[in-house]
PDB file of N, CA and C in Angstrom:
ATOM      1  N   MET A   1     110.773  92.993  80.883  1.00  0.00           N
ATOM      2  CA  MET A   1     110.369  93.422  82.213  1.00  0.00           C
ATOM      3  C   MET A   1     109.141  94.336  82.092  1.00  0.00           C
ATOM      4  N   GLN A   2     108.240  94.196  83.009  1.00  0.00           N
ATOM      5  CA  GLN A   2     106.980  94.931  82.990  1.00  0.00           C
ATOM      6  C   GLN A   2     107.175  96.363  83.503  1.00  0.00           C
ATOM      7  N   THR A   3     106.522  97.320  82.847  1.00  0.00           N
ATOM      8  CA  THR A   3     106.599  98.707  83.291  1.00  0.00           C
ATOM      9  C   THR A   3     105.788  98.869  84.581  1.00  0.00           C
ATOM     10  N   ASP A   4     106.052  99.956  85.285  1.00  0.00           N
ATOM     11  CA  ASP A   4     105.297 100.242  86.506  1.00  0.00           C
ATOM     12  C   ASP A   4     103.806 100.401  86.208  1.00  0.00           C
ATOM     13  N   ALA A   5     103.482 101.043  85.094  1.00  0.00           N
ATOM     14  CA  ALA A   5     102.079 101.241  84.720  1.00  0.00           C
ATOM     15  C   ALA A   5     101.395  99.908  84.427  1.00  0.00           C
ATOM     16  N   ALA A   6     102.088  99.017  83.729  1.00  0.00           N
ATOM     17  CA  ALA A   6     101.517  97.699  83.424  1.00  0.00           C
ATOM     18  C   ALA A   6     101.346  96.885  84.696  1.00  0.00           C
ATOM     19  N   MET A   7     102.320  96.977  85.608  1.00  0.00           N
ATOM     20  CA  MET A   7     102.223  96.259  86.869  1.00  0.00           C
ATOM     21  C   MET A   7     101.050  96.783  87.696  1.00  0.00           C
ATOM     22  N   LYS A   8     100.881  98.096  87.735  1.00  0.00           N
ATOM     23  CA  LYS A   8      99.763  98.681  88.472  1.00  0.00           C
ATOM     24  C   LYS A   8      98.437  98.242  87.864  1.00  0.00           C
ATOM     25  N   ALA A   9      98.357  98.216  86.542  1.00  0.00           N
ATOM     26  CA  ALA A   9      97.126  97.775  85.870  1.00  0.00           C
ATOM     27  C   ALA A   9      96.817  96.319  86.211  1.00  0.00           C
ATOM     28  N   ASP A  10      97.835  95.461  86.220  1.00  0.00           N
ATOM     29  CA  ASP A  10      97.632  94.058  86.593  1.00  0.00           C
ATOM     30  C   ASP A  10      97.170  93.933  88.043  1.00  0.00           C
ATOM     31  N   LEU A  11      97.801  94.680  88.939  1.00  0.00           N
ATOM     32  CA  LEU A  11      97.410  94.629  90.349  1.00  0.00           C
ATOM     33  C   LEU A  11      95.977  95.119  90.542  1.00  0.00           C
ATOM     34  N   ASP A  12      95.602  96.199  89.857  1.00  0.00           N
ATOM     35  CA  ASP A  12      94.224  96.698  89.945  1.00  0.00           C
ATOM     36  C   ASP A  12      93.238  95.639  89.458  1.00  0.00           C
ATOM     37  N   THR A  13      93.562  95.006  88.343  1.00  0.00           N
ATOM     38  CA  THR A  13      92.707  93.953  87.796  1.00  0.00           C
ATOM     39  C   THR A  13      92.583  92.796  88.772  1.00  0.00           C
ATOM     40  N   LEU A  14      93.695  92.384  89.349  1.00  0.00           N
ATOM     41  CA  LEU A  14      93.689  91.249  90.272  1.00  0.00           C
ATOM     42  C   LEU A  14      92.951  91.573  91.570  1.00  0.00           C
ATOM     43  N   PHE A  15      93.074  92.806  92.069  1.00  0.00           N
ATOM     44  CA  PHE A  15      92.302  93.201  93.252  1.00  0.00           C
ATOM     45  C   PHE A  15      90.805  93.111  92.953  1.00  0.00           C
ATOM     46  N   GLN A  16      90.388  93.551  91.765  1.00  0.00           N
ATOM     47  CA  GLN A  16      88.972  93.470  91.394  1.00  0.00           C
ATOM     48  C   GLN A  16      88.534  92.021  91.229  1.00  0.00           C
ATOM     49  N   LEU A  17      89.356  91.211  90.592  1.00  0.00           N
ATOM     50  CA  LEU A  17      89.025  89.790  90.437  1.00  0.00           C
ATOM     51  C   LEU A  17      88.920  89.096  91.790  1.00  0.00           C
ATOM     52  N   ASN A  18      89.773  89.470  92.730  1.00  0.00           N
ATOM     53  CA  ASN A  18      89.702  88.906  94.077  1.00  0.00           C
ATOM     54  C   ASN A  18      88.370  89.276  94.727  1.00  0.00           C
ATOM     55  N   ARG A  19      87.960  90.540  94.584  1.00  0.00           N
ATOM     56  CA  ARG A  19      86.648  90.967  95.124  1.00  0.00           C
ATOM     57  C   ARG A  19      85.516  90.197  94.455  1.00  0.00           C
ATOM     58  N   ASP A  20      85.613  90.045  93.122  1.00  0.00           N
ATOM     59  CA  ASP A  20      84.596  89.290  92.390  1.00  0.00           C
ATOM     60  C   ASP A  20      84.521  87.847  92.892  1.00  0.00           C
ATOM     61  N   TYR A  21      85.657  87.250  93.152  1.00  0.00           N
ATOM     62  CA  TYR A  21      85.719  85.866  93.617  1.00  0.00           C
ATOM     63  C   TYR A  21      85.003  85.744  94.966  1.00  0.00           C
ATOM     64  N   ILE A  22      85.327  86.619  95.907  1.00  0.00           N
ATOM     65  CA  ILE A  22      84.699  86.590  97.237  1.00  0.00           C
ATOM     66  C   ILE A  22      83.201  86.843  97.122  1.00  0.00           C
ATOM     67  N   ASP A  23      82.817  87.849  96.336  1.00  0.00           N
ATOM     68  CA  ASP A  23      81.388  88.144  96.137  1.00  0.00           C
ATOM     69  C   ASP A  23      80.668  86.958  95.495  1.00  0.00           C
ATOM     70  N   SER A  24      81.337  86.280  94.566  1.00  0.00           N
ATOM     71  CA  SER A  24      80.725  85.146  93.884  1.00  0.00           C
ATOM     72  C   SER A  24      80.511  83.975  94.830  1.00  0.00           C
ATOM     73  N   VAL A  25      81.419  83.789  95.775  1.00  0.00           N
ATOM     74  CA  VAL A  25      81.214  82.755  96.801  1.00  0.00           C
ATOM     75  C   VAL A  25      79.975  83.105  97.619  1.00  0.00           C
ATOM     76  N   GLN A  26      79.905  84.335  98.109  1.00  0.00           N
ATOM     77  CA  GLN A  26      78.795  84.753  98.967  1.00  0.00           C
ATOM     78  C   GLN A  26      77.451  84.651  98.252  1.00  0.00           C
ATOM     79  N   ASN A  27      77.441  84.987  96.963  1.00  0.00           N
ATOM     80  CA  ASN A  27      76.186  85.075  96.214  1.00  0.00           C
ATOM     81  C   ASN A  27      75.906  83.864  95.319  1.00  0.00           C
ATOM     82  N   SER A  28      76.698  82.807  95.469  1.00  0.00           N
ATOM     83  CA  SER A  28      76.537  81.601  94.634  1.00  0.00           C
ATOM     84  C   SER A  28      76.485  81.967  93.152  1.00  0.00           C
ATOM     85  N   ASP A  29      77.374  82.852  92.724  1.00  0.00           N
ATOM     86  CA  ASP A  29      77.374  83.392  91.366  1.00  0.00           C
ATOM     87  C   ASP A  29      78.160  82.489  90.409  1.00  0.00           C
ATOM     88  N   VAL A  30      77.525  81.425  89.979  1.00  0.00           N
ATOM     89  CA  VAL A  30      78.159  80.464  89.085  1.00  0.00           C
ATOM     90  C   VAL A  30      78.541  81.119  87.762  1.00  0.00           C
ATOM     91  N   ALA A  31      77.707  82.025  87.267  1.00  0.00           N
ATOM     92  CA  ALA A  31      77.981  82.687  85.982  1.00  0.00           C
ATOM     93  C   ALA A  31      79.289  83.463  86.034  1.00  0.00           C
ATOM     94  N   ARG A  32      79.535  84.188  87.131  1.00  0.00           N
ATOM     95  CA  ARG A  32      80.793  84.949  87.227  1.00  0.00           C
ATOM     96  C   ARG A  32      81.977  84.001  87.354  1.00  0.00           C
ATOM     97  N   PHE A  33      81.822  82.939  88.165  1.00  0.00           N
ATOM     98  CA  PHE A  33      82.912  81.974  88.269  1.00  0.00           C
ATOM     99  C   PHE A  33      83.202  81.342  86.913  1.00  0.00           C
ATOM    100  N   ASP A  34      82.172  81.093  86.126  1.00  0.00           N
ATOM    101  CA  ASP A  34      82.365  80.502  84.811  1.00  0.00           C
ATOM    102  C   ASP A  34      83.254  81.393  83.941  1.00  0.00           C
ATOM    103  N   GLN A  35      83.210  82.698  84.173  1.00  0.00           N
ATOM    104  CA  GLN A  35      84.022  83.651  83.411  1.00  0.00           C
ATOM    105  C   GLN A  35      85.465  83.731  83.904  1.00  0.00           C
ATOM    106  N   ILE A  36      85.702  83.518  85.192  1.00  0.00           N
ATOM    107  CA  ILE A  36      87.029  83.805  85.754  1.00  0.00           C
ATOM    108  C   ILE A  36      87.842  82.572  86.145  1.00  0.00           C
ATOM    109  N   LEU A  37      87.286  81.374  85.956  1.00  0.00           N
ATOM    110  CA  LEU A  37      88.023  80.152  86.272  1.00  0.00           C
ATOM    111  C   LEU A  37      88.632  79.558  85.007  1.00  0.00           C
ATOM    112  N   ALA A  38      89.895  79.159  85.095  1.00  0.00           N
ATOM    113  CA  ALA A  38      90.553  78.485  83.979  1.00  0.00           C
ATOM    114  C   ALA A  38      89.924  77.106  83.771  1.00  0.00           C
ATOM    115  N   ALA A  39      90.077  76.572  82.584  1.00  0.00           N
ATOM    116  CA  ALA A  39      89.519  75.258  82.262  1.00  0.00           C
ATOM    117  C   ALA A  39      90.054  74.171  83.183  1.00  0.00           C
ATOM    118  N   ASP A  40      91.314  74.305  83.611  1.00  0.00           N
ATOM    119  CA  ASP A  40      91.927  73.283  84.464  1.00  0.00           C
ATOM    120  C   ASP A  40      91.960  73.686  85.949  1.00  0.00           C
ATOM    121  N   PHE A  41      91.060  74.583  86.364  1.00  0.00           N
ATOM    122  CA  PHE A  41      90.978  75.052  87.751  1.00  0.00           C
ATOM    123  C   PHE A  41      90.813  73.884  88.721  1.00  0.00           C
ATOM    124  N   ARG A  42      91.469  73.996  89.884  1.00  0.00           N
ATOM    125  CA  ARG A  42      91.331  73.054  90.990  1.00  0.00           C
ATOM    126  C   ARG A  42      91.196  73.849  92.279  1.00  0.00           C
ATOM    127  N   CYS A  43      90.418  73.290  93.226  1.00  0.00           N
ATOM    128  CA  CYS A  43      90.246  73.928  94.530  1.00  0.00           C
ATOM    129  C   CYS A  43      90.404  72.892  95.634  1.00  0.00           C
ATOM    130  N   SER A  44      91.256  73.204  96.603  1.00  0.00           N
ATOM    131  CA  SER A  44      91.368  72.416  97.830  1.00  0.00           C
ATOM    132  C   SER A  44      90.401  73.023  98.828  1.00  0.00           C
ATOM    133  N   ASN A  45      89.358  72.267  99.163  1.00  0.00           N
ATOM    134  CA  ASN A  45      88.339  72.733 100.097  1.00  0.00           C
ATOM    135  C   ASN A  45      88.794  72.596 101.546  1.00  0.00           C
ATOM    136  N   PRO A  46      88.129  73.311 102.456  1.00  0.00           N
ATOM    137  CA  PRO A  46      88.489  73.228 103.869  1.00  0.00           C
ATOM    138  C   PRO A  46      88.390  71.805 104.446  1.00  0.00           C
ATOM    139  N   ASP A  47      87.536  70.963 103.846  1.00  0.00           N
ATOM    140  CA  ASP A  47      87.398  69.590 104.347  1.00  0.00           C
ATOM    141  C   ASP A  47      88.460  68.647 103.787  1.00  0.00           C
ATOM    142  N   GLY A  48      89.377  69.189 102.972  1.00  0.00           N
ATOM    143  CA  GLY A  48      90.473  68.389 102.437  1.00  0.00           C
ATOM    144  C   GLY A  48      90.219  67.814 101.062  1.00  0.00           C
ATOM    145  N   THR A  49      89.018  67.984 100.525  1.00  0.00           N
ATOM    146  CA  THR A  49      88.744  67.473  99.185  1.00  0.00           C
ATOM    147  C   THR A  49      89.356  68.387  98.124  1.00  0.00           C
ATOM    148  N   LEU A  50      89.726  67.786  97.023  1.00  0.00           N
ATOM    149  CA  LEU A  50      90.229  68.524  95.873  1.00  0.00           C
ATOM    150  C   LEU A  50      89.184  68.387  94.776  1.00  0.00           C
ATOM    151  N   VAL A  51      88.664  69.518  94.296  1.00  0.00           N
ATOM    152  CA  VAL A  51      87.624  69.487  93.265  1.00  0.00           C
ATOM    153  C   VAL A  51      88.112  70.178  92.004  1.00  0.00           C
ATOM    154  N   ASP A  52      87.595  69.699  90.877  1.00  0.00           N
ATOM    155  CA  ASP A  52      87.927  70.339  89.610  1.00  0.00           C
ATOM    156  C   ASP A  52      86.928  71.456  89.325  1.00  0.00           C
ATOM    157  N   ARG A  53      87.056  72.074  88.200  1.00  0.00           N
ATOM    158  CA  ARG A  53      86.224  73.229  87.836  1.00  0.00           C
ATOM    159  C   ARG A  53      84.730  72.886  87.878  1.00  0.00           C
ATOM    160  N   GLU A  54      84.369  71.761  87.245  1.00  0.00           N
ATOM    161  CA  GLU A  54      82.965  71.368  87.188  1.00  0.00           C
ATOM    162  C   GLU A  54      82.392  71.130  88.593  1.00  0.00           C
ATOM    163  N   GLU A  55      83.158  70.438  89.434  1.00  0.00           N
ATOM    164  CA  GLU A  55      82.703  70.181  90.805  1.00  0.00           C
ATOM    165  C   GLU A  55      82.624  71.474  91.617  1.00  0.00           C
ATOM    166  N   PHE A  56      83.576  72.377  91.389  1.00  0.00           N
ATOM    167  CA  PHE A  56      83.557  73.660  92.088  1.00  0.00           C
ATOM    168  C   PHE A  56      82.325  74.473  91.704  1.00  0.00           C
ATOM    169  N   LEU A  57      82.008  74.506  90.409  1.00  0.00           N
ATOM    170  CA  LEU A  57      80.825  75.240  89.964  1.00  0.00           C
ATOM    171  C   LEU A  57      79.552  74.626  90.557  1.00  0.00           C
ATOM    172  N   ALA A  58      79.501  73.307  90.651  1.00  0.00           N
ATOM    173  CA  ALA A  58      78.337  72.633  91.242  1.00  0.00           C
ATOM    174  C   ALA A  58      78.203  72.971  92.720  1.00  0.00           C
ATOM    175  N   GLN A  59      79.329  72.986  93.452  1.00  0.00           N
ATOM    176  CA  GLN A  59      79.238  73.312  94.875  1.00  0.00           C
ATOM    177  C   GLN A  59      78.934  74.789  95.075  1.00  0.00           C
ATOM    178  N   THR A  60      79.379  75.636  94.156  1.00  0.00           N
ATOM    179  CA  THR A  60      79.091  77.067  94.227  1.00  0.00           C
ATOM    180  C   THR A  60      77.608  77.346  94.005  1.00  0.00           C
ATOM    181  N   ALA A  61      76.955  76.527  93.210  1.00  0.00           N
ATOM    182  CA  ALA A  61      75.535  76.729  92.903  1.00  0.00           C
ATOM    183  C   ALA A  61      74.647  76.537  94.130  1.00  0.00           C
ATOM    184  N   ARG A  62      75.144  75.781  95.106  1.00  0.00           N
ATOM    185  CA  ARG A  62      74.362  75.576  96.332  1.00  0.00           C
ATOM    186  C   ARG A  62      74.468  76.829  97.201  1.00  0.00           C
ATOM    187  N   PRO A  63      73.356  77.270  97.778  1.00  0.00           N
ATOM    188  CA  PRO A  63      73.407  78.461  98.643  1.00  0.00           C
ATOM    189  C   PRO A  63      74.380  78.255  99.813  1.00  0.00           C
ATOM    190  N   VAL A  64      75.145  79.297 100.101  1.00  0.00           N
ATOM    191  CA  VAL A  64      76.088  79.213 101.218  1.00  0.00           C
ATOM    192  C   VAL A  64      75.344  79.447 102.529  1.00  0.00           C
ATOM    193  N   MET A  65      75.833  78.825 103.568  1.00  0.00           N
ATOM    194  CA  MET A  65      75.194  78.932 104.876  1.00  0.00           C
ATOM    195  C   MET A  65      75.828  80.048 105.716  1.00  0.00           C
ATOM    196  N   ILE A  66      76.971  80.551 105.259  1.00  0.00           N
ATOM    197  CA  ILE A  66      77.623  81.629 105.992  1.00  0.00           C
ATOM    198  C   ILE A  66      77.253  82.962 105.337  1.00  0.00           C
ATOM    199  N   SER A  67      77.416  84.037 106.079  1.00  0.00           N
ATOM    200  CA  SER A  67      77.083  85.361 105.534  1.00  0.00           C
ATOM    201  C   SER A  67      78.190  86.354 105.864  1.00  0.00           C
ATOM    202  N   GLY A  68      78.125  87.492 105.211  1.00  0.00           N
ATOM    203  CA  GLY A  68      79.068  88.573 105.498  1.00  0.00           C
ATOM    204  C   GLY A  68      80.515  88.251 105.201  1.00  0.00           C
ATOM    205  N   ILE A  69      80.764  87.447 104.194  1.00  0.00           N
ATOM    206  CA  ILE A  69      82.152  87.082 103.869  1.00  0.00           C
ATOM    207  C   ILE A  69      82.929  88.330 103.459  1.00  0.00           C
ATOM    208  N   ALA A  70      84.069  88.513 104.084  1.00  0.00           N
ATOM    209  CA  ALA A  70      84.936  89.650 103.750  1.00  0.00           C
ATOM    210  C   ALA A  70      86.385  89.179 103.718  1.00  0.00           C
ATOM    211  N   ALA A  71      87.150  89.718 102.783  1.00  0.00           N
ATOM    212  CA  ALA A  71      88.581  89.425 102.682  1.00  0.00           C
ATOM    213  C   ALA A  71      89.371  90.522 103.395  1.00  0.00           C
ATOM    214  N   HIS A  72      90.428  90.115 104.068  1.00  0.00           N
ATOM    215  CA  HIS A  72      91.289  91.048 104.807  1.00  0.00           C
ATOM    216  C   HIS A  72      92.748  90.724 104.510  1.00  0.00           C
ATOM    217  N   ASP A  73      93.595  91.709 104.742  1.00  0.00           N
ATOM    218  CA  ASP A  73      95.047  91.506 104.599  1.00  0.00           C
ATOM    219  C   ASP A  73      95.399  90.887 103.248  1.00  0.00           C
ATOM    220  N   VAL A  74      94.771  91.387 102.198  1.00  0.00           N
ATOM    221  CA  VAL A  74      94.995  90.846 100.858  1.00  0.00           C
ATOM    222  C   VAL A  74      96.401  91.206 100.389  1.00  0.00           C
ATOM    223  N   GLU A  75      97.142  90.185 100.013  1.00  0.00           N
ATOM    224  CA  GLU A  75      98.498  90.372  99.480  1.00  0.00           C
ATOM    225  C   GLU A  75      98.555  89.719  98.111  1.00  0.00           C
ATOM    226  N   ILE A  76      98.899  90.508  97.098  1.00  0.00           N
ATOM    227  CA  ILE A  76      99.016  89.988  95.738  1.00  0.00           C
ATOM    228  C   ILE A  76     100.488  89.986  95.350  1.00  0.00           C
ATOM    229  N   ARG A  77     100.962  88.805  94.997  1.00  0.00           N
ATOM    230  CA  ARG A  77     102.344  88.646  94.541  1.00  0.00           C
ATOM    231  C   ARG A  77     102.305  88.399  93.043  1.00  0.00           C
ATOM    232  N   LEU A  78     102.852  89.329  92.292  1.00  0.00           N
ATOM    233  CA  LEU A  78     102.847  89.260  90.840  1.00  0.00           C
ATOM    234  C   LEU A  78     104.181  88.691  90.365  1.00  0.00           C
ATOM    235  N   LEU A  79     104.110  87.561  89.659  1.00  0.00           N
ATOM    236  CA  LEU A  79     105.311  86.862  89.195  1.00  0.00           C
ATOM    237  C   LEU A  79     105.199  86.646  87.685  1.00  0.00           C
ATOM    238  N   GLY A  80     105.305  87.731  86.944  1.00  0.00           N
ATOM    239  CA  GLY A  80     105.141  87.644  85.492  1.00  0.00           C
ATOM    240  C   GLY A  80     103.687  87.377  85.134  1.00  0.00           C
ATOM    241  N   ASP A  81     103.457  86.244  84.467  1.00  0.00           N
ATOM    242  CA  ASP A  81     102.103  85.881  84.060  1.00  0.00           C
ATOM    243  C   ASP A  81     101.399  85.003  85.088  1.00  0.00           C
ATOM    244  N   ILE A  82     101.954  84.939  86.285  1.00  0.00           N
ATOM    245  CA  ILE A  82     101.354  84.212  87.411  1.00  0.00           C
ATOM    246  C   ILE A  82     101.201  85.201  88.565  1.00  0.00           C
ATOM    247  N   ALA A  83     100.093  85.088  89.270  1.00  0.00           N
ATOM    248  CA  ALA A  83      99.879  85.909  90.466  1.00  0.00           C
ATOM    249  C   ALA A  83      99.368  84.997  91.579  1.00  0.00           C
ATOM    250  N   ILE A  84      99.848  85.244  92.783  1.00  0.00           N
ATOM    251  CA  ILE A  84      99.407  84.498  93.955  1.00  0.00           C
ATOM    252  C   ILE A  84      98.759  85.490  94.907  1.00  0.00           C
ATOM    253  N   ILE A  85      97.543  85.176  95.323  1.00  0.00           N
ATOM    254  CA  ILE A  85      96.824  86.041  96.250  1.00  0.00           C
ATOM    255  C   ILE A  85      96.657  85.312  97.575  1.00  0.00           C
ATOM    256  N   HIS A  86      97.140  85.934  98.638  1.00  0.00           N
ATOM    257  CA  HIS A  86      96.982  85.424 100.002  1.00  0.00           C
ATOM    258  C   HIS A  86      96.059  86.386 100.740  1.00  0.00           C
ATOM    259  N   ALA A  87      95.146  85.859 101.551  1.00  0.00           N
ATOM    260  CA  ALA A  87      94.283  86.730 102.344  1.00  0.00           C
ATOM    261  C   ALA A  87      93.648  85.932 103.476  1.00  0.00           C
ATOM    262  N   THR A  88      93.090  86.671 104.414  1.00  0.00           N
ATOM    263  CA  THR A  88      92.283  86.065 105.463  1.00  0.00           C
ATOM    264  C   THR A  88      90.833  86.438 105.198  1.00  0.00           C
ATOM    265  N   THR A  89      89.920  85.672 105.788  1.00  0.00           N
ATOM    266  CA  THR A  89      88.503  85.957 105.641  1.00  0.00           C
ATOM    267  C   THR A  89      87.841  86.009 107.002  1.00  0.00           C
ATOM    268  N   SER A  90      86.759  86.734 107.040  1.00  0.00           N
ATOM    269  CA  SER A  90      85.862  86.704 108.195  1.00  0.00           C
ATOM    270  C   SER A  90      84.458  86.508 107.650  1.00  0.00           C
ATOM    271  N   TYR A  91      83.608  85.895 108.450  1.00  0.00           N
ATOM    272  CA  TYR A  91      82.231  85.628 108.040  1.00  0.00           C
ATOM    273  C   TYR A  91      81.422  85.278 109.279  1.00  0.00           C
ATOM    274  N   ILE A  92      80.130  85.192 109.097  1.00  0.00           N
ATOM    275  CA  ILE A  92      79.217  84.835 110.190  1.00  0.00           C
ATOM    276  C   ILE A  92      78.679  83.429 109.913  1.00  0.00           C
ATOM    277  N   LEU A  93      78.819  82.554 110.890  1.00  0.00           N
ATOM    278  CA  LEU A  93      78.312  81.187 110.779  1.00  0.00           C
ATOM    279  C   LEU A  93      76.797  81.170 110.948  1.00  0.00           C
ATOM    280  N   PRO A  94      76.139  80.086 110.531  1.00  0.00           N
ATOM    281  CA  PRO A  94      74.672  80.023 110.641  1.00  0.00           C
ATOM    282  C   PRO A  94      74.135  80.268 112.050  1.00  0.00           C
ATOM    283  N   ASP A  95      74.918  79.930 113.069  1.00  0.00           N
ATOM    284  CA  ASP A  95      74.461  80.142 114.455  1.00  0.00           C
ATOM    285  C   ASP A  95      74.719  81.558 114.952  1.00  0.00           C
ATOM    286  N   GLY A  96      75.255  82.420 114.059  1.00  0.00           N
ATOM    287  CA  GLY A  96      75.514  83.811 114.419  1.00  0.00           C
ATOM    288  C   GLY A  96      76.905  84.071 114.975  1.00  0.00           C
ATOM    289  N   SER A  97      77.682  83.036 115.182  1.00  0.00           N
ATOM    290  CA  SER A  97      79.033  83.234 115.712  1.00  0.00           C
ATOM    291  C   SER A  97      79.997  83.580 114.576  1.00  0.00           C
ATOM    292  N   PRO A  98      81.111  84.247 114.921  1.00  0.00           N
ATOM    293  CA  PRO A  98      82.076  84.643 113.887  1.00  0.00           C
ATOM    294  C   PRO A  98      82.917  83.458 113.428  1.00  0.00           C
ATOM    295  N   GLY A  99      83.278  83.490 112.162  1.00  0.00           N
ATOM    296  CA  GLY A  99      84.189  82.503 111.597  1.00  0.00           C
ATOM    297  C   GLY A  99      85.331  83.209 110.903  1.00  0.00           C
ATOM    298  N   HIS A 100      86.434  82.482 110.760  1.00  0.00           N
ATOM    299  CA  HIS A 100      87.623  83.052 110.124  1.00  0.00           C
ATOM    300  C   HIS A 100      88.283  81.993 109.258  1.00  0.00           C
ATOM    301  N   GLY A 101      89.008  82.431 108.273  1.00  0.00           N
ATOM    302  CA  GLY A 101      89.715  81.508 107.401  1.00  0.00           C
ATOM    303  C   GLY A 101      90.871  82.182 106.706  1.00  0.00           C
ATOM    304  N   ARG A 102      91.488  81.431 105.840  1.00  0.00           N
ATOM    305  CA  ARG A 102      92.600  81.920 105.030  1.00  0.00           C
ATOM    306  C   ARG A 102      92.478  81.247 103.673  1.00  0.00           C
ATOM    307  N   TYR A 103      92.884  81.964 102.644  1.00  0.00           N
ATOM    308  CA  TYR A 103      92.913  81.353 101.319  1.00  0.00           C
ATOM    309  C   TYR A 103      94.135  81.799 100.549  1.00  0.00           C
ATOM    310  N   THR A 104      94.508  80.965  99.604  1.00  0.00           N
ATOM    311  CA  THR A 104      95.549  81.274  98.635  1.00  0.00           C
ATOM    312  C   THR A 104      94.995  80.911  97.270  1.00  0.00           C
ATOM    313  N   ASP A 105      94.951  81.897  96.393  1.00  0.00           N
ATOM    314  CA  ASP A 105      94.483  81.679  95.022  1.00  0.00           C
ATOM    315  C   ASP A 105      95.645  81.935  94.073  1.00  0.00           C
ATOM    316  N   VAL A 106      95.723  81.131  93.034  1.00  0.00           N
ATOM    317  CA  VAL A 106      96.742  81.303  92.003  1.00  0.00           C
ATOM    318  C   VAL A 106      96.026  81.668  90.708  1.00  0.00           C
ATOM    319  N   TRP A 107      96.492  82.746  90.097  1.00  0.00           N
ATOM    320  CA  TRP A 107      95.927  83.245  88.848  1.00  0.00           C
ATOM    321  C   TRP A 107      97.007  83.182  87.774  1.00  0.00           C
ATOM    322  N   ALA A 108      96.596  82.921  86.538  1.00  0.00           N
ATOM    323  CA  ALA A 108      97.530  82.893  85.405  1.00  0.00           C
ATOM    324  C   ALA A 108      96.950  83.733  84.272  1.00  0.00           C
ATOM    325  N   ARG A 109      97.838  84.477  83.628  1.00  0.00           N
ATOM    326  CA  ARG A 109      97.415  85.234  82.449  1.00  0.00           C
ATOM    327  C   ARG A 109      97.393  84.254  81.275  1.00  0.00           C
ATOM    328  N   GLN A 110      96.199  84.032  80.723  1.00  0.00           N
ATOM    329  CA  GLN A 110      96.035  83.115  79.593  1.00  0.00           C
ATOM    330  C   GLN A 110      95.345  83.873  78.478  1.00  0.00           C
ATOM    331  N   ASN A 111      96.003  83.945  77.338  1.00  0.00           N
ATOM    332  CA  ASN A 111      95.466  84.683  76.186  1.00  0.00           C
ATOM    333  C   ASN A 111      95.093  86.114  76.573  1.00  0.00           C
ATOM    334  N   GLY A 112      95.937  86.755  77.382  1.00  0.00           N
ATOM    335  CA  GLY A 112      95.739  88.146  77.767  1.00  0.00           C
ATOM    336  C   GLY A 112      94.738  88.378  78.879  1.00  0.00           C
ATOM    337  N   GLN A 113      94.190  87.315  79.462  1.00  0.00           N
ATOM    338  CA  GLN A 113      93.166  87.444  80.502  1.00  0.00           C
ATOM    339  C   GLN A 113      93.626  86.705  81.764  1.00  0.00           C
ATOM    340  N   TRP A 114      93.407  87.327  82.933  1.00  0.00           N
ATOM    341  CA  TRP A 114      93.725  86.686  84.192  1.00  0.00           C
ATOM    342  C   TRP A 114      92.620  85.698  84.551  1.00  0.00           C
ATOM    343  N   LEU A 115      92.999  84.441  84.794  1.00  0.00           N
ATOM    344  CA  LEU A 115      92.055  83.401  85.175  1.00  0.00           C
ATOM    345  C   LEU A 115      92.562  82.670  86.416  1.00  0.00           C
ATOM    346  N   ALA A 116      91.647  82.299  87.297  1.00  0.00           N
ATOM    347  CA  ALA A 116      92.030  81.529  88.483  1.00  0.00           C
ATOM    348  C   ALA A 116      92.325  80.098  88.059  1.00  0.00           C
ATOM    349  N   VAL A 117      93.482  79.598  88.472  1.00  0.00           N
ATOM    350  CA  VAL A 117      93.867  78.237  88.141  1.00  0.00           C
ATOM    351  C   VAL A 117      93.853  77.322  89.365  1.00  0.00           C
ATOM    352  N   SER A 118      93.933  77.931  90.556  1.00  0.00           N
ATOM    353  CA  SER A 118      93.998  77.124  91.764  1.00  0.00           C
ATOM    354  C   SER A 118      93.537  77.945  92.965  1.00  0.00           C
ATOM    355  N   ALA A 119      92.881  77.252  93.903  1.00  0.00           N
ATOM    356  CA  ALA A 119      92.473  77.881  95.155  1.00  0.00           C
ATOM    357  C   ALA A 119      92.682  76.883  96.288  1.00  0.00           C
ATOM    358  N   HIS A 120      93.082  77.398  97.423  1.00  0.00           N
ATOM    359  CA  HIS A 120      93.218  76.584  98.634  1.00  0.00           C
ATOM    360  C   HIS A 120      92.552  77.356  99.769  1.00  0.00           C
ATOM    361  N   VAL A 121      91.557  76.732 100.401  1.00  0.00           N
ATOM    362  CA  VAL A 121      90.749  77.405 101.419  1.00  0.00           C
ATOM    363  C   VAL A 121      90.901  76.674 102.753  1.00  0.00           C
ATOM    364  N   THR A 122      91.137  77.449 103.814  1.00  0.00           N
ATOM    365  CA  THR A 122      91.240  76.901 105.165  1.00  0.00           C
ATOM    366  C   THR A 122      90.302  77.655 106.081  1.00  0.00           C
ATOM    367  N   ARG A 123      89.637  76.950 106.946  1.00  0.00           N
ATOM    368  CA  ARG A 123      88.820  77.602 107.982  1.00  0.00           C
ATOM    369  C   ARG A 123      89.532  77.424 109.305  1.00  0.00           C
ATOM    370  N   LEU A 124      89.596  78.507 110.068  1.00  0.00           N
ATOM    371  CA  LEU A 124      90.309  78.469 111.352  1.00  0.00           C
ATOM    372  C   LEU A 124      89.330  78.286 112.494  1.00  0.00           C
TER     373      LEU A 124
END
């Protein structure tokens, strides 16, 4: 069983990784995603497509059309060496109107490092 200190350290790490993930989407930061995505990463996009790591990195390299992406109501569920992050997002669409979404990311501790293994993104 994990100590309270170890659990807090994992939660702190995962909160930072979640911020890095959101910032990397906004800034098309392929290099950071390359560091934090597992080799077998998969993402369910809002349009219903399922992409693998290579396809996700390619789509991330394209400049995003939305701005001001922010995560809200972040909930991290720590389940041993697996963590599930649920949150909502807000952003500004190209026409200046507000947009909202929800995501669920799954992280796994692999070789002592937390890596994203799965993401599911919905736009509301």
